Protein backbone atom coordinates (compact mmCIF):
# COMPACT_ATOMS: atom_id res chain seq x y z
CA MET A 1 -56.30 116.94 -81.97
CA HIS A 2 -53.00 116.99 -83.82
CA GLU A 3 -50.74 113.96 -83.91
CA ARG A 4 -48.19 115.83 -81.75
CA GLU A 5 -50.86 116.23 -79.06
CA PHE A 6 -51.68 112.53 -79.35
CA TRP A 7 -48.09 111.56 -78.56
CA GLU A 8 -47.91 114.03 -75.66
CA LEU A 9 -51.08 112.57 -74.14
CA LEU A 10 -49.88 109.02 -74.69
CA GLU A 11 -46.74 109.78 -72.70
CA GLU A 12 -48.61 111.67 -69.98
CA VAL A 13 -51.38 109.11 -69.46
CA PHE A 14 -49.43 105.87 -69.95
CA GLY A 15 -45.83 106.92 -69.31
CA ARG A 16 -43.13 107.20 -71.92
CA SER A 17 -41.95 103.59 -72.13
CA TYR A 18 -45.30 101.87 -71.67
CA GLY A 19 -47.05 104.34 -74.00
CA ARG A 20 -44.55 103.75 -76.80
CA ALA A 21 -44.82 99.99 -76.32
CA LEU A 22 -48.63 100.22 -76.53
CA ALA A 23 -48.39 102.29 -79.70
CA HIS A 24 -46.35 99.60 -81.43
CA ASP A 25 -47.82 96.43 -79.92
CA GLN A 26 -51.47 96.94 -78.87
CA ARG A 27 -53.91 95.88 -81.59
CA LEU A 28 -57.00 98.13 -81.74
CA THR A 29 -59.91 95.81 -82.46
CA ALA A 30 -62.26 98.69 -83.30
CA LEU A 31 -59.83 99.85 -86.01
CA GLY A 32 -59.35 96.60 -87.87
CA SER A 33 -56.75 95.27 -85.42
CA MET A 34 -54.21 97.89 -86.49
CA THR A 35 -51.69 99.14 -83.97
CA VAL A 36 -51.74 102.82 -82.97
CA VAL A 37 -48.81 103.50 -85.28
CA GLU A 38 -50.48 101.69 -88.18
CA ALA A 39 -53.79 103.48 -87.63
CA LEU A 40 -52.14 106.91 -87.63
CA GLN A 41 -50.12 106.03 -90.73
CA ALA A 42 -53.34 104.86 -92.42
CA GLY A 43 -54.82 108.33 -91.88
CA GLU A 44 -57.12 107.71 -88.91
CA GLU A 45 -57.85 110.87 -86.91
CA PRO A 46 -55.56 111.03 -83.86
CA ARG A 47 -58.55 111.75 -81.60
CA THR A 48 -60.34 108.64 -82.88
CA VAL A 49 -57.24 106.50 -82.33
CA TRP A 50 -56.85 108.01 -78.85
CA ASN A 51 -60.45 107.26 -77.86
CA VAL A 52 -60.27 103.71 -79.21
CA LEU A 53 -57.01 103.07 -77.33
CA CYS A 54 -58.39 104.54 -74.10
CA ASP A 55 -61.64 102.59 -74.42
CA GLN A 56 -59.73 99.38 -74.99
CA MET A 57 -57.39 100.07 -72.06
CA ASP A 58 -60.31 101.09 -69.77
CA VAL A 59 -59.00 104.62 -69.21
CA PRO A 60 -61.82 106.71 -67.68
CA ASP A 61 -62.75 110.07 -69.21
CA SER A 62 -61.44 111.84 -66.11
CA LYS A 63 -57.89 110.61 -66.83
CA ARG A 64 -57.97 110.40 -70.61
CA TRP A 65 -57.12 114.02 -71.39
CA GLY A 66 -54.17 114.51 -69.07
CA LYS A 67 -53.76 117.26 -66.54
CA ASP A 68 -56.08 119.71 -68.33
CA HIS A 69 -59.07 117.32 -68.50
CA VAL A 70 -60.35 119.13 -71.58
CA ALA A 71 -61.42 116.92 -74.45
CA PRO A 72 -60.85 118.36 -77.91
CA PRO A 73 -63.88 118.61 -80.19
CA LYS A 74 -64.92 115.44 -81.97
CA PRO A 75 -64.13 115.20 -85.69
CA HIS A 76 -67.14 115.75 -87.94
CA GLY A 77 -69.19 112.59 -88.27
CA PHE A 78 -67.60 110.78 -85.31
CA GLY A 79 -70.03 109.55 -82.67
CA GLU A 80 -73.05 111.23 -84.24
């Protein structure tokens, strides 16, 4: 997943205003309490940040990937 795709999904799943607010305000406990923006700036994989955000916000897999419902491949070493 590219960062551009991350932002598109954020808007699609959470809505533009709420998604942007989450990105700046929601602390991701699984990523050292960084916000989405901080985690991406720190070099975290967008897919990892997306999964952590969705887990924390209780977004089910069926809604997590937008209208296509196709999850991108996991980064090497993640979840293995």
